[in-house]
N, C-alpha and C. Protein backbone atom coordinates (compact mmCIF):
# COMPACT_ATOMS: atom_id res chain seq x y z
N PHE A 1 1.03 1.08 -50.58
CA PHE A 1 1.81 1.43 -51.74
C PHE A 1 1.56 0.47 -52.90
N ALA A 2 1.39 -0.80 -52.60
CA ALA A 2 1.17 -1.78 -53.66
C ALA A 2 -0.14 -1.50 -54.40
N ALA A 3 -1.16 -1.12 -53.66
CA ALA A 3 -2.44 -0.81 -54.30
C ALA A 3 -2.33 0.43 -55.17
N THR A 4 -1.52 1.39 -54.76
CA THR A 4 -1.32 2.59 -55.57
C THR A 4 -0.63 2.25 -56.88
N ALA A 5 0.33 1.36 -56.85
CA ALA A 5 0.99 0.93 -58.09
C ALA A 5 -0.01 0.26 -59.02
N ALA A 6 -0.94 -0.47 -58.47
CA ALA A 6 -1.95 -1.12 -59.30
C ALA A 6 -2.96 -0.12 -59.87
N THR A 7 -3.28 0.93 -59.12
CA THR A 7 -4.28 1.89 -59.62
C THR A 7 -3.70 2.84 -60.66
N ILE A 8 -2.39 2.97 -60.75
CA ILE A 8 -1.80 3.78 -61.81
C ILE A 8 -2.18 3.21 -63.17
N VAL A 9 -2.25 1.91 -63.25
CA VAL A 9 -2.59 1.25 -64.51
C VAL A 9 -4.07 1.41 -64.82
N ALA A 10 -4.89 1.64 -63.83
CA ALA A 10 -6.33 1.76 -64.07
C ALA A 10 -6.63 2.90 -65.04
N GLY A 11 -5.90 3.98 -64.97
CA GLY A 11 -6.10 5.08 -65.91
C GLY A 11 -5.69 4.72 -67.33
N THR A 12 -4.72 3.85 -67.44
CA THR A 12 -4.25 3.44 -68.77
C THR A 12 -5.22 2.51 -69.45
N VAL A 13 -5.77 1.58 -68.72
CA VAL A 13 -6.64 0.57 -69.32
C VAL A 13 -8.12 0.84 -69.07
N ALA A 14 -8.46 2.04 -68.63
CA ALA A 14 -9.86 2.35 -68.36
C ALA A 14 -10.71 2.14 -69.60
N GLU A 15 -11.74 1.34 -69.47
CA GLU A 15 -12.69 0.99 -70.52
C GLU A 15 -12.04 0.26 -71.70
N ARG A 16 -10.83 -0.28 -71.50
CA ARG A 16 -10.16 -1.00 -72.58
C ARG A 16 -9.96 -2.49 -72.26
N CYS A 17 -10.24 -2.87 -71.03
CA CYS A 17 -10.11 -4.29 -70.69
C CYS A 17 -11.27 -4.70 -69.80
N LYS A 18 -11.46 -5.99 -69.67
CA LYS A 18 -12.55 -6.50 -68.84
C LYS A 18 -12.17 -6.40 -67.37
N MET A 19 -13.17 -6.31 -66.54
CA MET A 19 -12.96 -6.17 -65.10
C MET A 19 -12.25 -7.38 -64.51
N VAL A 20 -12.56 -8.56 -64.99
CA VAL A 20 -11.93 -9.78 -64.49
C VAL A 20 -10.44 -9.77 -64.79
N ALA A 21 -10.07 -9.30 -65.99
CA ALA A 21 -8.65 -9.23 -66.37
C ALA A 21 -7.92 -8.22 -65.48
N TYR A 22 -8.54 -7.08 -65.22
CA TYR A 22 -7.92 -6.07 -64.35
C TYR A 22 -7.80 -6.59 -62.91
N PHE A 23 -8.80 -7.31 -62.46
CA PHE A 23 -8.76 -7.88 -61.12
C PHE A 23 -7.62 -8.89 -60.98
N CYS A 24 -7.48 -9.77 -61.97
CA CYS A 24 -6.38 -10.75 -61.95
C CYS A 24 -5.03 -10.07 -62.01
N TYR A 25 -4.93 -9.04 -62.86
CA TYR A 25 -3.68 -8.29 -62.96
C TYR A 25 -3.33 -7.63 -61.63
N SER A 26 -4.31 -7.02 -60.98
CA SER A 26 -4.06 -6.33 -59.71
C SER A 26 -3.57 -7.30 -58.64
N ILE A 27 -4.15 -8.47 -58.59
CA ILE A 27 -3.71 -9.48 -57.61
C ILE A 27 -2.29 -9.91 -57.92
N PHE A 28 -1.98 -10.18 -59.18
CA PHE A 28 -0.63 -10.60 -59.55
C PHE A 28 0.41 -9.51 -59.26
N LEU A 29 0.08 -8.27 -59.58
CA LEU A 29 1.01 -7.17 -59.36
C LEU A 29 1.28 -6.95 -57.88
N THR A 30 0.24 -6.90 -57.08
CA THR A 30 0.41 -6.61 -55.66
C THR A 30 0.95 -7.79 -54.86
N ALA A 31 0.73 -9.01 -55.33
CA ALA A 31 1.18 -10.18 -54.57
C ALA A 31 2.56 -10.67 -54.98
N PHE A 32 2.94 -10.47 -56.24
CA PHE A 32 4.20 -11.07 -56.71
C PHE A 32 5.21 -10.05 -57.25
N VAL A 33 4.79 -9.17 -58.12
CA VAL A 33 5.73 -8.26 -58.78
C VAL A 33 6.20 -7.16 -57.83
N TYR A 34 5.28 -6.45 -57.20
CA TYR A 34 5.64 -5.32 -56.35
C TYR A 34 6.55 -5.73 -55.18
N PRO A 35 6.30 -6.83 -54.49
CA PRO A 35 7.22 -7.21 -53.40
C PRO A 35 8.65 -7.46 -53.86
N VAL A 36 8.82 -8.00 -55.05
CA VAL A 36 10.18 -8.25 -55.57
C VAL A 36 10.89 -6.92 -55.85
N VAL A 37 10.18 -5.99 -56.47
CA VAL A 37 10.77 -4.68 -56.77
C VAL A 37 11.09 -3.93 -55.48
N VAL A 38 10.19 -3.98 -54.52
CA VAL A 38 10.41 -3.30 -53.24
C VAL A 38 11.61 -3.89 -52.50
N HIS A 39 11.71 -5.19 -52.47
CA HIS A 39 12.82 -5.82 -51.77
C HIS A 39 14.16 -5.46 -52.42
N SER A 40 14.19 -5.45 -53.73
CA SER A 40 15.46 -5.14 -54.41
C SER A 40 15.89 -3.71 -54.19
N THR A 41 14.96 -2.81 -53.86
CA THR A 41 15.30 -1.41 -53.65
C THR A 41 15.43 -1.05 -52.18
N TRP A 42 14.50 -1.49 -51.35
CA TRP A 42 14.46 -1.06 -49.96
C TRP A 42 15.29 -1.91 -49.01
N ALA A 43 15.49 -3.18 -49.31
CA ALA A 43 16.23 -4.06 -48.40
C ALA A 43 17.72 -3.73 -48.46
N SER A 44 18.39 -3.87 -47.36
CA SER A 44 19.82 -3.54 -47.33
C SER A 44 20.65 -4.50 -48.17
N ASP A 45 20.11 -5.70 -48.45
CA ASP A 45 20.83 -6.64 -49.31
C ASP A 45 20.25 -6.70 -50.73
N GLY A 46 19.36 -5.78 -51.07
CA GLY A 46 18.79 -5.75 -52.41
C GLY A 46 19.80 -5.27 -53.44
N PHE A 47 19.71 -5.77 -54.66
CA PHE A 47 20.72 -5.45 -55.66
C PHE A 47 20.61 -4.01 -56.18
N LEU A 48 19.50 -3.33 -55.94
CA LEU A 48 19.38 -1.93 -56.33
C LEU A 48 19.65 -0.96 -55.18
N SER A 49 19.80 -1.46 -53.98
CA SER A 49 19.96 -0.62 -52.81
C SER A 49 21.33 0.06 -52.79
N ALA A 50 21.34 1.32 -52.39
CA ALA A 50 22.60 2.06 -52.27
C ALA A 50 23.38 1.62 -51.04
N PHE A 51 22.72 0.91 -50.14
CA PHE A 51 23.37 0.48 -48.90
C PHE A 51 24.00 -0.90 -49.01
N ASN A 52 23.89 -1.52 -50.16
CA ASN A 52 24.50 -2.82 -50.41
C ASN A 52 25.86 -2.57 -51.05
N GLU A 53 26.88 -2.50 -50.25
CA GLU A 53 28.22 -2.18 -50.75
C GLU A 53 28.80 -3.29 -51.62
N ALA A 54 28.48 -4.53 -51.30
CA ALA A 54 29.14 -5.66 -51.95
C ALA A 54 28.56 -6.02 -53.31
N ASN A 55 27.27 -5.82 -53.50
CA ASN A 55 26.63 -6.39 -54.68
C ASN A 55 25.66 -5.41 -55.33
N ARG A 56 26.12 -4.24 -55.73
CA ARG A 56 25.25 -3.25 -56.37
C ARG A 56 25.12 -3.53 -57.86
N PHE A 57 23.99 -3.14 -58.40
CA PHE A 57 23.74 -3.28 -59.83
C PHE A 57 24.50 -2.19 -60.58
N MET A 58 25.37 -2.58 -61.46
CA MET A 58 26.19 -1.66 -62.27
C MET A 58 26.96 -0.66 -61.41
N ASP A 59 27.32 -1.09 -60.22
CA ASP A 59 28.09 -0.28 -59.27
C ASP A 59 27.38 1.02 -58.87
N GLN A 60 26.06 1.04 -58.96
CA GLN A 60 25.26 2.20 -58.57
C GLN A 60 24.19 1.73 -57.59
N GLY A 61 23.72 2.63 -56.76
CA GLY A 61 22.65 2.31 -55.83
C GLY A 61 21.50 3.29 -55.95
N VAL A 62 20.34 2.90 -55.47
CA VAL A 62 19.15 3.74 -55.52
C VAL A 62 18.72 4.05 -54.10
N ILE A 63 18.45 5.32 -53.83
CA ILE A 63 17.85 5.73 -52.56
C ILE A 63 16.46 6.24 -52.91
N ASP A 64 15.44 5.56 -52.45
CA ASP A 64 14.07 5.90 -52.77
C ASP A 64 13.48 6.72 -51.64
N PHE A 65 13.20 7.98 -51.90
CA PHE A 65 12.64 8.86 -50.87
C PHE A 65 11.15 8.61 -50.73
N ALA A 66 10.74 8.15 -49.57
CA ALA A 66 9.33 7.95 -49.19
C ALA A 66 8.59 6.93 -50.06
N GLY A 67 9.29 6.14 -50.83
CA GLY A 67 8.66 5.07 -51.60
C GLY A 67 8.05 5.47 -52.92
N SER A 68 8.13 6.75 -53.29
CA SER A 68 7.46 7.20 -54.51
C SER A 68 8.12 6.65 -55.77
N GLY A 69 9.41 6.45 -55.73
CA GLY A 69 10.11 5.94 -56.91
C GLY A 69 9.69 4.53 -57.27
N VAL A 70 9.62 3.69 -56.27
CA VAL A 70 9.24 2.29 -56.52
C VAL A 70 7.80 2.20 -56.98
N VAL A 71 6.92 2.97 -56.38
CA VAL A 71 5.51 2.94 -56.75
C VAL A 71 5.33 3.36 -58.20
N HIS A 72 5.93 4.49 -58.58
CA HIS A 72 5.74 5.00 -59.93
C HIS A 72 6.52 4.21 -60.97
N LEU A 73 7.66 3.65 -60.60
CA LEU A 73 8.38 2.78 -61.53
C LEU A 73 7.57 1.54 -61.85
N THR A 74 7.05 0.90 -60.83
CA THR A 74 6.26 -0.32 -61.04
C THR A 74 4.97 -0.02 -61.78
N GLY A 75 4.25 0.99 -61.33
CA GLY A 75 2.98 1.34 -61.98
C GLY A 75 3.17 1.82 -63.41
N GLY A 76 4.18 2.65 -63.63
CA GLY A 76 4.42 3.18 -64.98
C GLY A 76 4.87 2.11 -65.96
N ALA A 77 5.75 1.24 -65.50
CA ALA A 77 6.23 0.17 -66.40
C ALA A 77 5.10 -0.79 -66.76
N THR A 78 4.29 -1.14 -65.80
CA THR A 78 3.18 -2.04 -66.10
C THR A 78 2.08 -1.34 -66.91
N ALA A 79 1.91 -0.03 -66.72
CA ALA A 79 0.96 0.71 -67.55
C ALA A 79 1.42 0.75 -69.00
N LEU A 80 2.72 0.92 -69.20
CA LEU A 80 3.25 0.90 -70.56
C LEU A 80 3.03 -0.45 -71.22
N ILE A 81 3.28 -1.51 -70.48
CA ILE A 81 3.06 -2.87 -71.02
C ILE A 81 1.58 -3.08 -71.32
N ALA A 82 0.70 -2.61 -70.43
CA ALA A 82 -0.74 -2.76 -70.67
C ALA A 82 -1.19 -1.98 -71.89
N ALA A 83 -0.61 -0.80 -72.10
CA ALA A 83 -0.99 0.00 -73.27
C ALA A 83 -0.50 -0.65 -74.57
N ILE A 84 0.66 -1.27 -74.51
CA ILE A 84 1.19 -1.94 -75.71
C ILE A 84 0.36 -3.18 -76.05
N VAL A 85 0.00 -3.93 -75.01
CA VAL A 85 -0.79 -5.15 -75.22
C VAL A 85 -2.18 -4.77 -75.67
């Protein structure tokens, strides 16, 4: 799933950035950003999880069916940032 989130951005920055920059970005996204987003959504104690009764974000929870929400949220948000930069 982490690699899929990184490849969503590939379509956004295709032929617009250097390969080394995309390689560094992919490592940073899959090693640091994606695990934090996944934990906050999928873990029972994550602040976005619907199963965390005590500490939900804005008193709402997220149920991610089959992981597609987290993948596309992470990939889409980073693609938007890459397009702006």
